[in-house]
N, C-alpha and C. Protein backbone atom coordinates (compact mmCIF):
# COMPACT_ATOMS: atom_id res chain seq x y z
N TYR A 1 23.19 -34.67 -9.95
CA TYR A 1 22.82 -34.16 -11.60
C TYR A 1 23.10 -33.50 -11.97
N LYS A 2 24.12 -33.67 -13.05
CA LYS A 2 24.85 -32.45 -13.81
C LYS A 2 24.02 -32.99 -14.76
N PHE A 3 24.17 -31.09 -15.83
CA PHE A 3 23.86 -31.13 -17.31
C PHE A 3 25.31 -29.99 -17.75
N LYS A 4 25.86 -30.82 -18.71
CA LYS A 4 26.89 -30.25 -18.74
C LYS A 4 26.89 -29.99 -20.94
N ASP A 5 27.64 -28.89 -21.59
CA ASP A 5 27.96 -28.96 -22.59
C ASP A 5 28.79 -29.90 -23.38
N SER A 6 28.80 -29.59 -24.59
CA SER A 6 28.69 -30.25 -25.94
C SER A 6 30.25 -31.03 -25.80
N GLY A 7 30.95 -29.84 -24.79
CA GLY A 7 32.52 -30.09 -24.29
C GLY A 7 32.54 -30.50 -23.00
N GLY A 8 31.63 -30.98 -22.71
CA GLY A 8 32.37 -31.70 -21.32
C GLY A 8 32.01 -30.61 -20.04
N THR A 9 31.60 -29.18 -20.65
CA THR A 9 31.74 -28.44 -18.97
C THR A 9 30.99 -28.52 -18.95
N THR A 10 30.36 -28.44 -16.82
CA THR A 10 29.11 -28.21 -16.23
C THR A 10 28.87 -27.44 -17.00
N ASN A 11 27.47 -26.84 -16.54
CA ASN A 11 26.30 -25.98 -17.22
C ASN A 11 25.62 -25.97 -15.03
N ALA A 12 25.18 -26.74 -15.25
CA ALA A 12 24.54 -26.52 -13.64
C ALA A 12 24.78 -28.34 -12.61
N GLN A 13 24.43 -27.90 -11.92
CA GLN A 13 24.56 -28.98 -10.88
C GLN A 13 23.53 -28.96 -9.94
N ILE A 14 22.69 -30.14 -9.61
CA ILE A 14 20.84 -30.41 -9.42
C ILE A 14 21.48 -31.99 -7.80
N GLY A 15 21.93 -31.08 -6.51
CA GLY A 15 22.45 -32.13 -6.02
C GLY A 15 21.49 -32.49 -4.31
N ILE A 16 21.47 -33.67 -3.72
CA ILE A 16 20.58 -33.59 -2.70
C ILE A 16 21.66 -32.77 -1.31
N THR A 17 23.10 -33.18 -1.91
CA THR A 17 24.33 -33.33 -0.80
C THR A 17 24.97 -32.15 -1.22
N GLY A 18 25.65 -31.46 -1.28
CA GLY A 18 26.40 -30.67 -2.14
C GLY A 18 26.19 -29.26 -2.00
N ASN A 19 26.33 -28.87 -3.60
CA ASN A 19 26.31 -28.05 -4.21
C ASN A 19 25.42 -28.04 -5.09
N SER A 20 23.68 -27.01 -5.49
CA SER A 20 23.52 -27.20 -6.25
C SER A 20 23.91 -25.19 -7.56
N PHE A 21 23.72 -25.32 -8.58
CA PHE A 21 23.70 -24.19 -9.10
C PHE A 21 24.03 -24.41 -10.56
N ILE A 22 23.75 -23.04 -11.42
CA ILE A 22 23.60 -22.56 -12.51
C ILE A 22 24.85 -21.15 -13.04
N THR A 23 25.58 -22.00 -14.40
CA THR A 23 26.53 -21.26 -14.38
C THR A 23 27.18 -19.53 -14.76
N GLY A 24 25.24 -20.11 -15.78
CA GLY A 24 25.15 -18.69 -17.06
C GLY A 24 23.73 -18.75 -16.99
N GLY A 25 23.80 -17.25 -17.12
CA GLY A 25 22.01 -17.23 -17.64
C GLY A 25 21.92 -16.24 -17.07
N ASN A 26 20.09 -16.11 -16.42
CA ASN A 26 19.15 -15.88 -15.96
C ASN A 26 18.23 -17.40 -15.21
N VAL A 27 18.04 -17.40 -13.83
CA VAL A 27 17.15 -18.93 -13.44
C VAL A 27 15.56 -18.02 -13.05
N GLY A 28 14.86 -18.48 -13.97
CA GLY A 28 13.30 -18.09 -14.16
C GLY A 28 12.34 -18.84 -13.30
N ILE A 29 11.42 -18.47 -12.28
CA ILE A 29 10.33 -19.29 -11.07
C ILE A 29 8.79 -18.83 -11.74
N GLY A 30 8.53 -19.37 -12.45
CA GLY A 30 7.05 -19.25 -12.65
C GLY A 30 7.32 -18.18 -14.63
N THR A 31 8.44 -17.89 -14.85
CA THR A 31 8.73 -17.36 -16.45
C THR A 31 9.71 -17.58 -16.90
N ASP A 32 8.97 -18.48 -18.65
CA ASP A 32 10.85 -19.09 -19.47
C ASP A 32 11.63 -17.86 -19.88
N SER A 33 10.65 -16.55 -18.88
CA SER A 33 11.83 -15.10 -19.65
C SER A 33 13.08 -14.46 -18.48
N PRO A 34 13.09 -14.85 -17.93
CA PRO A 34 13.81 -14.04 -16.81
C PRO A 34 14.45 -12.74 -16.71
N ASN A 35 14.38 -12.04 -16.17
CA ASN A 35 15.18 -10.51 -16.86
C ASN A 35 15.94 -10.43 -15.32
N SER A 36 16.24 -11.07 -14.26
CA SER A 36 17.59 -10.99 -13.50
C SER A 36 18.34 -11.84 -13.53
N ASN A 37 18.76 -11.60 -12.40
CA ASN A 37 19.88 -13.95 -11.31
C ASN A 37 19.18 -14.08 -11.55
N LEU A 38 18.17 -14.26 -10.64
CA LEU A 38 16.38 -14.73 -10.38
C LEU A 38 14.98 -14.06 -10.34
N HIS A 39 14.09 -14.73 -10.71
CA HIS A 39 13.33 -13.33 -11.33
C HIS A 39 12.14 -14.63 -11.13
N VAL A 40 10.78 -13.85 -9.67
CA VAL A 40 10.22 -15.16 -9.75
C VAL A 40 9.24 -14.20 -10.00
N TYR A 41 7.79 -14.85 -10.52
CA TYR A 41 6.44 -14.55 -11.59
C TYR A 41 5.56 -15.04 -10.36
N ALA A 42 4.59 -14.87 -11.08
CA ALA A 42 3.50 -14.89 -10.39
C ALA A 42 2.02 -14.21 -11.51
N ALA A 43 1.77 -14.92 -12.76
CA ALA A 43 0.49 -14.34 -13.43
C ALA A 43 -0.32 -14.24 -12.51
N SER A 44 -0.89 -14.62 -11.50
CA SER A 44 -2.00 -14.45 -10.76
C SER A 44 -2.24 -14.03 -9.70
N ASN A 45 -1.75 -14.53 -8.96
CA ASN A 45 -1.55 -14.59 -7.65
C ASN A 45 -0.03 -13.85 -7.68
N ALA A 46 0.11 -13.75 -5.79
CA ALA A 46 0.96 -13.06 -5.26
C ALA A 46 2.06 -13.53 -5.26
N PRO A 47 4.14 -12.92 -6.47
CA PRO A 47 4.99 -13.49 -6.12
C PRO A 47 5.38 -13.34 -5.07
N THR A 48 6.17 -14.99 -4.09
CA THR A 48 6.42 -14.62 -2.63
C THR A 48 7.53 -14.77 -2.65
N PHE A 49 8.89 -14.91 -2.45
CA PHE A 49 10.27 -15.68 -2.13
C PHE A 49 10.39 -15.40 -0.07
N ARG A 50 10.47 -16.14 -0.25
CA ARG A 50 10.40 -16.86 1.99
C ARG A 50 11.93 -17.09 2.48
N ILE A 51 12.26 -17.14 2.73
CA ILE A 51 13.19 -18.18 4.03
C ILE A 51 13.02 -17.46 5.00
N SER A 52 12.95 -18.97 6.12
CA SER A 52 13.12 -18.77 7.91
C SER A 52 13.76 -20.05 8.14
N ARG A 53 14.13 -20.18 9.26
CA ARG A 53 15.53 -20.00 9.95
C ARG A 53 14.40 -21.78 10.97
N ALA A 54 14.99 -23.02 11.67
CA ALA A 54 14.17 -24.09 11.69
C ALA A 54 14.71 -23.43 13.43
N SER A 55 15.51 -23.27 13.82
CA SER A 55 15.95 -23.15 15.02
C SER A 55 15.26 -22.35 16.09
N ASN A 56 14.19 -21.01 15.45
CA ASN A 56 13.11 -20.46 16.29
C ASN A 56 12.72 -20.58 15.38
N GLY A 57 12.48 -20.80 13.91
CA GLY A 57 10.68 -20.76 13.54
C GLY A 57 10.33 -19.32 12.93
N GLN A 58 11.03 -18.41 12.92
CA GLN A 58 11.57 -17.29 12.49
C GLN A 58 11.27 -17.28 10.68
N VAL A 59 10.15 -16.83 9.93
CA VAL A 59 9.51 -16.11 8.37
C VAL A 59 9.93 -15.55 7.55
N TRP A 60 10.25 -15.24 7.27
CA TRP A 60 10.73 -13.70 6.77
C TRP A 60 10.24 -13.69 5.05
N THR A 61 8.88 -12.79 4.56
CA THR A 61 8.68 -12.90 3.05
C THR A 61 8.78 -11.60 2.19
N GLN A 62 8.84 -11.97 1.41
CA GLN A 62 9.23 -10.38 0.40
C GLN A 62 8.10 -10.41 -1.09
N THR A 63 7.48 -9.60 -0.86
CA THR A 63 5.53 -10.43 -1.96
C THR A 63 6.03 -9.12 -2.34
N ILE A 64 4.56 -8.65 -3.54
CA ILE A 64 3.91 -7.72 -4.07
C ILE A 64 2.76 -7.59 -4.41
N ASP A 65 1.94 -7.48 -3.61
CA ASP A 65 0.20 -7.42 -3.29
C ASP A 65 -0.35 -7.31 -3.75
N SER A 66 -1.50 -7.77 -4.49
CA SER A 66 -2.65 -6.91 -5.01
C SER A 66 -2.76 -4.86 -6.09
N SER A 67 -2.18 -4.18 -5.09
CA SER A 67 -1.77 -3.39 -5.51
C SER A 67 -0.68 -2.48 -5.45
N ALA A 68 -0.40 -3.52 -5.44
CA ALA A 68 1.59 -2.60 -6.66
C ALA A 68 2.29 -2.57 -5.20
N ARG A 69 2.02 -3.32 -3.75
CA ARG A 69 3.29 -2.26 -3.05
C ARG A 69 4.01 -3.39 -2.79
N PHE A 70 5.16 -3.05 -2.19
CA PHE A 70 6.22 -4.31 -1.87
C PHE A 70 6.14 -4.21 -1.16
N LEU A 71 5.41 -5.36 0.03
CA LEU A 71 6.29 -5.60 1.38
C LEU A 71 7.12 -6.69 1.57
N LEU A 72 7.63 -6.65 2.69
CA LEU A 72 8.32 -7.24 3.24
C LEU A 72 7.92 -7.23 4.93
N GLN A 73 7.73 -9.01 4.77
CA GLN A 73 6.39 -9.54 6.45
C GLN A 73 7.50 -10.65 7.05
N GLU A 74 6.48 -10.33 8.04
CA GLU A 74 8.22 -11.67 8.87
C GLU A 74 6.25 -11.82 10.22
N ALA A 75 6.92 -13.11 9.92
CA ALA A 75 5.93 -14.29 11.25
C ALA A 75 6.46 -15.01 12.04
N ALA A 76 6.17 -15.19 13.16
CA ALA A 76 6.89 -15.83 14.37
C ALA A 76 7.68 -17.79 13.76
N SER A 77 6.40 -17.62 13.26
CA SER A 77 6.82 -19.76 12.95
C SER A 77 5.49 -19.56 11.72
N GLU A 78 6.46 -21.17 11.00
CA GLU A 78 5.50 -21.48 10.24
C GLU A 78 3.48 -21.84 10.01
N GLY A 79 2.96 -20.51 9.49
CA GLY A 79 1.64 -21.14 9.55
C GLY A 79 1.40 -19.30 10.45
N GLY A 80 1.59 -18.92 11.43
CA GLY A 80 2.21 -17.87 12.20
C GLY A 80 0.98 -16.65 11.01
N THR A 81 0.54 -16.05 11.58
CA THR A 81 0.34 -14.40 11.57
C THR A 81 1.41 -13.75 10.87
N LEU A 82 0.97 -13.33 9.74
CA LEU A 82 2.55 -12.42 8.73
C LEU A 82 1.96 -11.07 8.62
N ASN A 83 3.33 -10.14 9.70
CA ASN A 83 3.31 -9.08 10.25
C ASN A 83 3.90 -7.88 9.03
N THR A 84 3.69 -7.34 9.08
CA THR A 84 3.65 -6.75 7.49
C THR A 84 5.26 -5.30 8.05
N ARG A 85 5.98 -5.36 8.07
CA ARG A 85 7.41 -4.05 8.77
C ARG A 85 8.65 -3.10 6.98
N LEU A 86 7.80 -3.22 6.57
CA LEU A 86 8.29 -2.59 5.44
C LEU A 86 7.30 -2.72 4.25
N SER A 87 6.63 -1.60 3.89
CA SER A 87 5.40 -1.42 2.94
C SER A 87 5.56 0.00 1.46
N ILE A 88 6.91 -0.54 0.57
CA ILE A 88 6.30 0.14 -0.75
C ILE A 88 5.72 0.96 -2.12
N ASP A 89 4.77 1.92 -2.34
CA ASP A 89 3.85 1.94 -3.30
C ASP A 89 4.54 1.41 -5.13
N ASP A 90 4.07 1.85 -5.40
CA ASP A 90 4.72 1.96 -6.91
C ASP A 90 5.28 3.75 -7.30
N ALA A 91 4.52 4.34 -6.14
CA ALA A 91 4.30 6.42 -5.78
C ALA A 91 5.53 6.32 -5.86
N GLY A 92 5.88 5.41 -4.64
CA GLY A 92 6.74 6.05 -3.30
C GLY A 92 6.78 6.32 -1.87
N GLU A 93 5.31 5.77 -1.97
CA GLU A 93 4.98 5.71 -0.45
C GLU A 93 5.79 4.30 -0.34
N THR A 94 6.27 5.09 1.04
CA THR A 94 7.05 3.57 1.53
C THR A 94 6.43 4.12 3.36
N LEU A 95 5.74 2.84 4.33
CA LEU A 95 5.22 3.00 5.42
C LEU A 95 6.27 1.66 6.11
N LEU A 96 6.36 2.33 7.42
CA LEU A 96 7.40 1.05 8.16
C LEU A 96 6.84 0.84 9.29
N CYS A 97 6.99 -0.21 10.12
CA CYS A 97 6.62 -0.72 10.80
C CYS A 97 5.45 -0.09 11.40
N MET A 98 4.17 -1.08 10.53
CA MET A 98 3.06 -0.70 10.29
C MET A 98 2.01 -1.34 11.20
N ASN A 99 2.62 -2.72 11.67
CA ASN A 99 1.29 -3.14 13.04
C ASN A 99 2.64 -3.32 13.91
N GLY A 100 2.98 -2.60 13.97
CA GLY A 100 3.26 -2.46 15.57
C GLY A 100 5.29 -2.43 15.52
N GLY A 101 5.66 -1.94 16.08
CA GLY A 101 6.74 -1.81 16.55
C GLY A 101 8.06 -0.48 16.58
N SER A 102 9.00 -0.38 16.69
CA SER A 102 9.85 0.63 16.44
C SER A 102 11.02 0.72 16.13
N CYS A 103 11.49 1.80 15.31
CA CYS A 103 12.61 2.03 14.21
C CYS A 103 13.72 2.63 15.71
N GLY A 104 14.86 2.44 14.50
CA GLY A 104 16.21 3.06 15.12
C GLY A 104 17.03 3.05 13.85
N ILE A 105 17.72 4.33 14.11
CA ILE A 105 17.93 5.48 12.65
C ILE A 105 19.62 4.49 13.91
N GLY A 106 21.28 4.22 13.44
CA GLY A 106 21.86 5.25 14.42
C GLY A 106 22.33 3.75 15.56
N THR A 107 21.64 2.99 15.37
CA THR A 107 21.59 2.18 17.04
C THR A 107 21.43 0.44 16.69
N VAL A 108 21.56 -0.11 16.80
CA VAL A 108 20.40 -1.75 17.07
C VAL A 108 20.12 -1.71 18.16
N SER A 109 19.61 -0.88 19.14
CA SER A 109 19.15 -1.42 20.46
C SER A 109 18.43 -0.03 20.73
N VAL A 110 16.63 -0.45 19.42
CA VAL A 110 16.05 0.98 20.43
C VAL A 110 15.81 1.48 21.35
N ASN A 111 15.98 2.27 22.30
CA ASN A 111 15.47 2.86 24.17
C ASN A 111 14.07 3.71 23.60
N GLN A 112 12.86 2.34 23.55
CA GLN A 112 11.94 2.81 23.31
C GLN A 112 10.76 3.39 24.75
N ASN A 113 10.70 4.17 23.86
CA ASN A 113 9.84 5.37 25.85
C ASN A 113 8.88 3.91 26.39
N GLY A 114 8.94 3.78 27.10
CA GLY A 114 7.79 3.73 28.03
C GLY A 114 7.10 1.84 26.67
N SER A 115 5.82 2.61 26.35
CA SER A 115 4.81 1.07 25.60
C SER A 115 4.91 1.69 24.70
N LYS A 116 5.12 3.13 23.89
CA LYS A 116 5.06 4.31 23.64
C LYS A 116 5.76 3.77 22.29
N THR A 117 5.55 3.24 20.15
CA THR A 117 6.38 3.19 18.95
C THR A 117 6.80 4.74 19.52
N THR A 118 8.06 4.06 19.32
CA THR A 118 9.39 4.60 18.82
C THR A 118 10.22 5.10 17.94
N LEU A 119 10.63 6.58 17.45
CA LEU A 119 11.29 6.26 16.60
C LEU A 119 13.03 6.96 17.36
N ASP A 120 13.15 5.92 17.14
CA ASP A 120 15.19 6.55 18.23
C ASP A 120 16.39 6.87 17.26
N ILE A 121 16.70 8.06 16.99
CA ILE A 121 18.08 8.37 16.21
C ILE A 121 19.31 8.39 17.03
N HIS A 122 20.28 7.81 16.72
CA HIS A 122 21.14 8.39 17.80
C HIS A 122 22.99 8.80 17.20
N HIS A 123 23.69 9.41 17.66
CA HIS A 123 25.04 8.87 17.13
C HIS A 123 25.51 8.99 18.19
N ALA A 124 26.61 8.60 19.12
CA ALA A 124 26.80 8.68 20.28
C ALA A 124 28.40 9.28 20.97
N THR A 125 28.56 10.44 20.25
CA THR A 125 29.52 11.76 19.33
C THR A 125 29.18 13.15 19.49
N VAL A 126 28.06 12.81 18.65
CA VAL A 126 27.34 14.17 18.18
C VAL A 126 26.15 14.83 17.65
N GLY A 127 25.37 13.43 18.32
CA GLY A 127 23.71 13.57 18.63
C GLY A 127 22.88 13.80 17.51
N ALA A 128 21.98 13.96 16.71
CA ALA A 128 20.92 13.23 16.28
C ALA A 128 20.07 14.64 16.16
N ALA A 129 19.56 15.02 14.88
CA ALA A 129 18.83 16.07 14.01
C ALA A 129 17.59 15.14 13.84
N ILE A 130 16.54 15.39 13.04
CA ILE A 130 15.56 15.36 12.46
C ILE A 130 15.57 16.26 11.28
N ARG A 131 15.62 16.28 9.89
CA ARG A 131 15.53 17.70 9.36
C ARG A 131 14.59 17.46 7.98
N LEU A 132 13.28 18.88 8.27
CA LEU A 132 12.37 19.20 6.86
C LEU A 132 12.69 20.35 6.00
N ARG A 133 12.89 20.06 5.41
CA ARG A 133 13.23 20.52 3.86
C ARG A 133 12.16 21.07 2.48
N GLN A 134 12.27 22.07 1.96
CA GLN A 134 11.67 22.99 0.87
C GLN A 134 12.43 23.09 0.22
N ALA A 135 12.83 22.55 -0.86
CA ALA A 135 13.64 23.56 -1.95
C ALA A 135 15.09 23.59 -1.17
N SER A 136 14.80 24.53 -0.97
CA SER A 136 16.52 25.13 -0.47
C SER A 136 16.24 25.67 1.68
N ASN A 137 15.08 25.81 1.54
CA ASN A 137 14.43 25.84 3.00
C ASN A 137 14.40 24.95 4.24
N SER A 138 14.66 25.21 5.45
CA SER A 138 14.79 23.24 6.44
C SER A 138 14.25 24.17 7.65
N ALA A 139 13.86 23.41 8.13
CA ALA A 139 13.79 23.36 10.04
C ALA A 139 14.81 22.13 9.69
N LEU A 140 14.67 21.89 11.42
CA LEU A 140 15.52 21.22 12.06
C LEU A 140 15.10 20.78 13.55
N ILE A 141 14.38 19.86 14.26
CA ILE A 141 14.64 19.19 15.54
C ILE A 141 15.73 17.99 15.60
N ARG A 142 17.05 18.88 16.74
CA ARG A 142 18.29 18.22 17.38
C ARG A 142 18.47 18.63 18.38
N TYR A 143 18.93 17.04 19.04
CA TYR A 143 19.90 17.48 20.41
C TYR A 143 21.60 16.79 20.79
N ASP A 144 22.51 17.66 20.53
CA ASP A 144 23.00 17.17 21.49
C ASP A 144 23.31 17.40 22.68
N ASP A 145 24.31 16.72 23.77
CA ASP A 145 25.09 17.02 25.07
C ASP A 145 25.92 18.05 24.99
N THR A 146 25.84 19.60 24.54
CA THR A 146 26.27 20.37 24.30
C THR A 146 25.04 21.32 24.60
N ASN A 147 24.40 21.57 24.08
CA ASN A 147 22.74 22.64 23.65
C ASN A 147 21.75 21.31 23.72
N GLY A 148 22.03 20.76 24.21
CA GLY A 148 20.13 20.32 24.65
C GLY A 148 19.18 19.69 23.13
N LEU A 149 18.36 20.28 23.72
CA LEU A 149 17.68 20.01 22.12
C LEU A 149 16.59 21.25 22.15
N GLN A 150 16.84 21.74 20.24
CA GLN A 150 16.27 22.63 19.11
C GLN A 150 15.57 22.64 18.44
N VAL A 151 15.20 23.36 18.69
CA VAL A 151 13.78 23.30 17.96
C VAL A 151 13.92 25.14 17.00
N GLY A 152 14.17 24.21 15.78
CA GLY A 152 14.07 26.18 14.79
C GLY A 152 13.89 26.06 13.49
N THR A 153 13.66 26.85 12.57
CA THR A 153 13.66 27.26 11.29
C THR A 153 15.51 27.64 10.37
N ILE A 154 16.76 27.07 10.07
CA ILE A 154 17.50 27.49 9.64
C ILE A 154 17.27 29.09 8.43
N ALA A 155 16.19 28.22 7.30
CA ALA A 155 16.30 29.61 6.74
C ALA A 155 14.92 30.86 7.40
N SER A 156 15.10 31.95 6.64
CA SER A 156 14.79 33.21 6.85
C SER A 156 12.86 32.70 6.94
N LYS A 157 12.92 32.25 8.47
CA LYS A 157 11.45 32.44 8.23
C LYS A 157 10.74 31.67 9.71
N ASN A 158 9.26 31.87 9.36
CA ASN A 158 8.12 31.74 11.76
C ASN A 158 8.67 30.16 11.32
N LEU A 159 8.88 30.40 13.08
CA LEU A 159 8.76 29.33 14.05
C LEU A 159 7.58 28.95 14.86
N SER A 160 5.98 28.58 14.06
CA SER A 160 5.10 28.21 15.06
C SER A 160 4.47 27.17 15.32
N PHE A 161 3.47 27.92 16.32
CA PHE A 161 3.47 26.74 17.38
C PHE A 161 1.74 26.45 17.13
N GLU A 162 1.18 25.06 17.51
CA GLU A 162 -0.70 24.86 16.94
C GLU A 162 -1.20 23.96 17.80
N THR A 163 -1.98 24.74 17.86
CA THR A 163 -3.09 23.05 19.27
C THR A 163 -4.69 23.33 17.54
N ALA A 164 -5.14 22.37 17.72
CA ALA A 164 -5.99 21.97 16.85
C ALA A 164 -6.04 22.84 16.07
N ASP A 165 -4.93 22.45 15.07
CA ASP A 165 -4.42 22.96 13.34
C ASP A 165 -4.39 24.60 14.15
N THR A 166 -4.98 25.08 14.82
CA THR A 166 -4.90 26.71 14.31
C THR A 166 -3.29 26.85 16.09
N THR A 167 -2.67 27.53 15.12
CA THR A 167 -1.54 29.01 15.36
C THR A 167 -2.05 29.69 16.63
N ALA A 168 -1.14 29.25 17.54
CA ALA A 168 -2.13 29.58 19.09
C ALA A 168 -0.31 31.19 19.39
N MET A 169 1.01 30.36 19.26
CA MET A 169 2.25 31.34 19.35
C MET A 169 3.25 31.80 18.11
N THR A 170 3.75 32.32 17.25
CA THR A 170 4.63 32.39 16.85
C THR A 170 5.89 33.17 17.20
N ILE A 171 7.12 32.26 16.79
CA ILE A 171 8.76 33.27 16.96
C ILE A 171 8.89 33.98 15.75
N ASP A 172 8.80 35.90 15.70
CA ASP A 172 9.40 35.49 13.59
C ASP A 172 11.47 35.59 14.21
N THR A 173 11.19 36.22 12.32
CA THR A 173 12.81 36.40 12.24
C THR A 173 13.46 36.90 12.49
N SER A 174 13.20 38.01 13.80
CA SER A 174 13.33 38.98 14.68
C SER A 174 12.96 38.87 15.67
N GLN A 175 13.11 37.13 16.31
CA GLN A 175 12.71 36.27 17.61
C GLN A 175 11.57 37.69 18.33
N LYS A 176 10.29 38.15 17.85
CA LYS A 176 9.27 38.87 18.65
C LYS A 176 8.40 37.62 18.26
N ILE A 177 8.23 37.32 19.92
CA ILE A 177 6.87 36.53 20.01
C ILE A 177 5.45 37.00 20.49
N GLY A 178 5.09 36.42 19.01
CA GLY A 178 3.68 36.34 18.90
C GLY A 178 2.33 35.46 19.56
N ILE A 179 1.39 35.69 20.80
CA ILE A 179 0.51 34.85 21.45
C ILE A 179 -0.45 35.11 20.79
N GLY A 180 -1.30 33.97 19.68
CA GLY A 180 -2.52 34.65 19.32
C GLY A 180 -2.35 35.60 17.63
N THR A 181 -0.76 36.29 17.07
CA THR A 181 -1.23 36.26 16.05
C THR A 181 0.49 36.07 15.43
N ALA A 182 0.35 35.96 14.21
CA ALA A 182 1.61 35.73 13.62
C ALA A 182 2.80 37.13 13.27
N THR A 183 1.44 37.84 13.17
CA THR A 183 2.08 39.74 12.89
C THR A 183 2.36 39.84 14.38
N VAL A 184 3.42 40.08 15.05
CA VAL A 184 3.61 40.93 15.74
C VAL A 184 3.77 42.65 14.87
N THR A 185 3.35 43.33 16.45
CA THR A 185 3.46 45.41 15.47
C THR A 185 3.79 45.79 16.46
N GLN A 186 3.84 45.63 17.82
CA GLN A 186 4.07 46.57 19.34
C GLN A 186 5.04 44.95 20.15
N GLY A 187 5.98 45.87 20.85
CA GLY A 187 7.44 45.13 21.57
C GLY A 187 7.32 44.30 21.04
N GLN A 188 7.98 43.67 21.72
CA GLN A 188 8.81 41.69 21.89
C GLN A 188 7.78 41.23 21.66
N VAL A 189 7.24 41.17 22.97
CA VAL A 189 6.00 40.31 22.97
C VAL A 189 5.34 40.66 23.10
N GLU A 190 3.97 40.02 22.48
CA GLU A 190 2.60 40.83 21.72
C GLU A 190 1.70 39.58 22.51
N ILE A 191 0.87 39.66 22.39
CA ILE A 191 -0.76 38.79 23.41
C ILE A 191 -1.62 39.58 22.74
N TYR A 192 -1.99 38.92 21.41
CA TYR A 192 -3.79 39.65 21.64
C TYR A 192 -5.10 39.31 20.79
N LYS A 193 -6.62 39.24 20.60
CA LYS A 193 -7.26 38.52 20.99
C LYS A 193 -7.88 39.77 20.00
N ASN A 194 -9.15 39.77 18.62
CA ASN A 194 -9.87 40.19 18.23
C ASN A 194 -11.48 39.86 19.05
N GLY A 195 -11.64 41.33 19.36
CA GLY A 195 -12.63 41.21 20.06
C GLY A 195 -13.19 40.33 21.14
N ALA A 196 -12.28 40.42 21.74
CA ALA A 196 -12.38 38.87 23.45
C ALA A 196 -11.14 40.53 24.57
N ASP A 197 -11.76 39.84 25.35
CA ASP A 197 -11.25 40.03 27.03
C ASP A 197 -9.53 39.79 26.48
N THR A 198 -8.13 41.00 26.60
CA THR A 198 -7.43 39.78 26.76
C THR A 198 -6.20 40.42 28.05
N GLU A 199 -5.95 39.03 28.28
CA GLU A 199 -5.47 39.36 30.02
C GLU A 199 -4.14 38.51 29.80
N LEU A 200 -3.48 39.64 31.14
CA LEU A 200 -1.89 37.95 30.90
C LEU A 200 -2.07 37.96 32.31
N CYS A 201 -2.00 37.02 33.29
CA CYS A 201 -2.12 36.86 34.38
C CYS A 201 -0.99 35.53 34.66
N ILE A 202 -0.61 35.95 36.17
CA ILE A 202 0.44 35.74 36.96
C ILE A 202 0.35 35.01 37.98
N HIS A 203 -0.07 34.13 38.62
CA HIS A 203 -0.38 33.55 39.77
C HIS A 203 0.60 32.57 40.55
N GLU A 204 -0.02 33.05 41.43
CA GLU A 204 1.17 32.33 42.92
C GLU A 204 -0.04 32.13 43.70
N ASP A 205 -0.29 30.55 43.60
CA ASP A 205 -1.89 30.12 44.36
C ASP A 205 -1.73 29.51 45.58
N ALA A 206 -0.67 29.52 46.98
CA ALA A 206 -0.58 29.28 47.53
C ALA A 206 -1.02 30.79 48.24
N GLY A 207 -0.75 31.66 48.43
CA GLY A 207 -0.60 32.10 49.30
C GLY A 207 0.11 33.09 49.95
N THR A 208 1.44 31.95 49.90
CA THR A 208 2.58 32.28 50.89
C THR A 208 3.83 33.14 50.02
N HIS A 209 3.51 33.45 48.88
CA HIS A 209 4.75 33.68 48.11
C HIS A 209 4.35 34.95 46.99
N GLU A 210 4.99 36.34 46.64
CA GLU A 210 4.61 37.05 46.31
C GLU A 210 4.67 37.10 44.51
N SER A 211 3.56 37.48 43.41
CA SER A 211 3.14 37.56 42.85
C SER A 211 3.91 38.82 41.43
N ARG A 212 4.66 38.22 40.60
CA ARG A 212 6.05 39.51 40.13
C ARG A 212 5.67 39.91 38.43
N LEU A 213 5.57 40.98 37.85
CA LEU A 213 6.47 41.24 37.57
C LEU A 213 7.01 42.42 36.99
N HIS A 214 8.77 41.91 36.62
CA HIS A 214 9.42 42.65 36.26
C HIS A 214 10.15 43.41 35.02
N LEU A 215 9.68 44.59 35.53
CA LEU A 215 10.41 45.46 34.20
C LEU A 215 11.75 45.81 34.78
N ARG A 216 12.38 45.64 34.00
CA ARG A 216 13.85 46.05 33.73
C ARG A 216 14.75 47.10 32.54
N ARG A 217 15.16 49.25 32.79
CA ARG A 217 15.93 49.24 32.50
C ARG A 217 16.88 49.56 32.74
N GLY A 218 18.27 49.36 31.66
CA GLY A 218 20.05 48.99 32.38
C GLY A 218 19.87 48.71 32.90
N GLY A 219 20.98 48.21 34.60
CA GLY A 219 21.15 47.87 35.12
C GLY A 219 20.23 47.81 36.52
N THR A 220 19.25 48.44 36.60
CA THR A 220 18.12 48.89 37.38
C THR A 220 17.17 47.84 37.50
């Protein structure tokens, strides 16, 4: 079927074989006022764009749910369970691999850690990093083959380690280490307790070797 204007120019064509096309304007599905090249609209249910492949049965859909979240979903076959792989809400919250699976950045093959869900960030020559930032201050977790694993702050801020949501050890900007305290007041390493016994234990369990605390000044 061909649709022509008064001058005989074909503006649209629908064919069982060959090409189907519209040469001008936007296309609306569920709307007679499309706002883009292809506008899929649903007045009550979720508008859905669906693609599938016959050779392996794979199905992918894009939709908007009742909570105004954009969803990218996948099923292994027609009629199969749709698993959400990407979710973005209208406030910008983004969720990835919601129904399991790992994620790769800079790689086409995730090197998964056993059966654990893995975020694999890769660069073949310069290594990889995760930057955590607030305004101009930031911290990095990074790895390369020259320096190994590095964890630290880029800004002049402390580095702290926590257990049970409580600070267990702090390295301050002078590289002083506080265990049980974030403020080192004496020495390069301070172990602190308030109202409790404080003990530094050096333990050799087998009884066949010595336990030592080596204090050194100068070359001796």
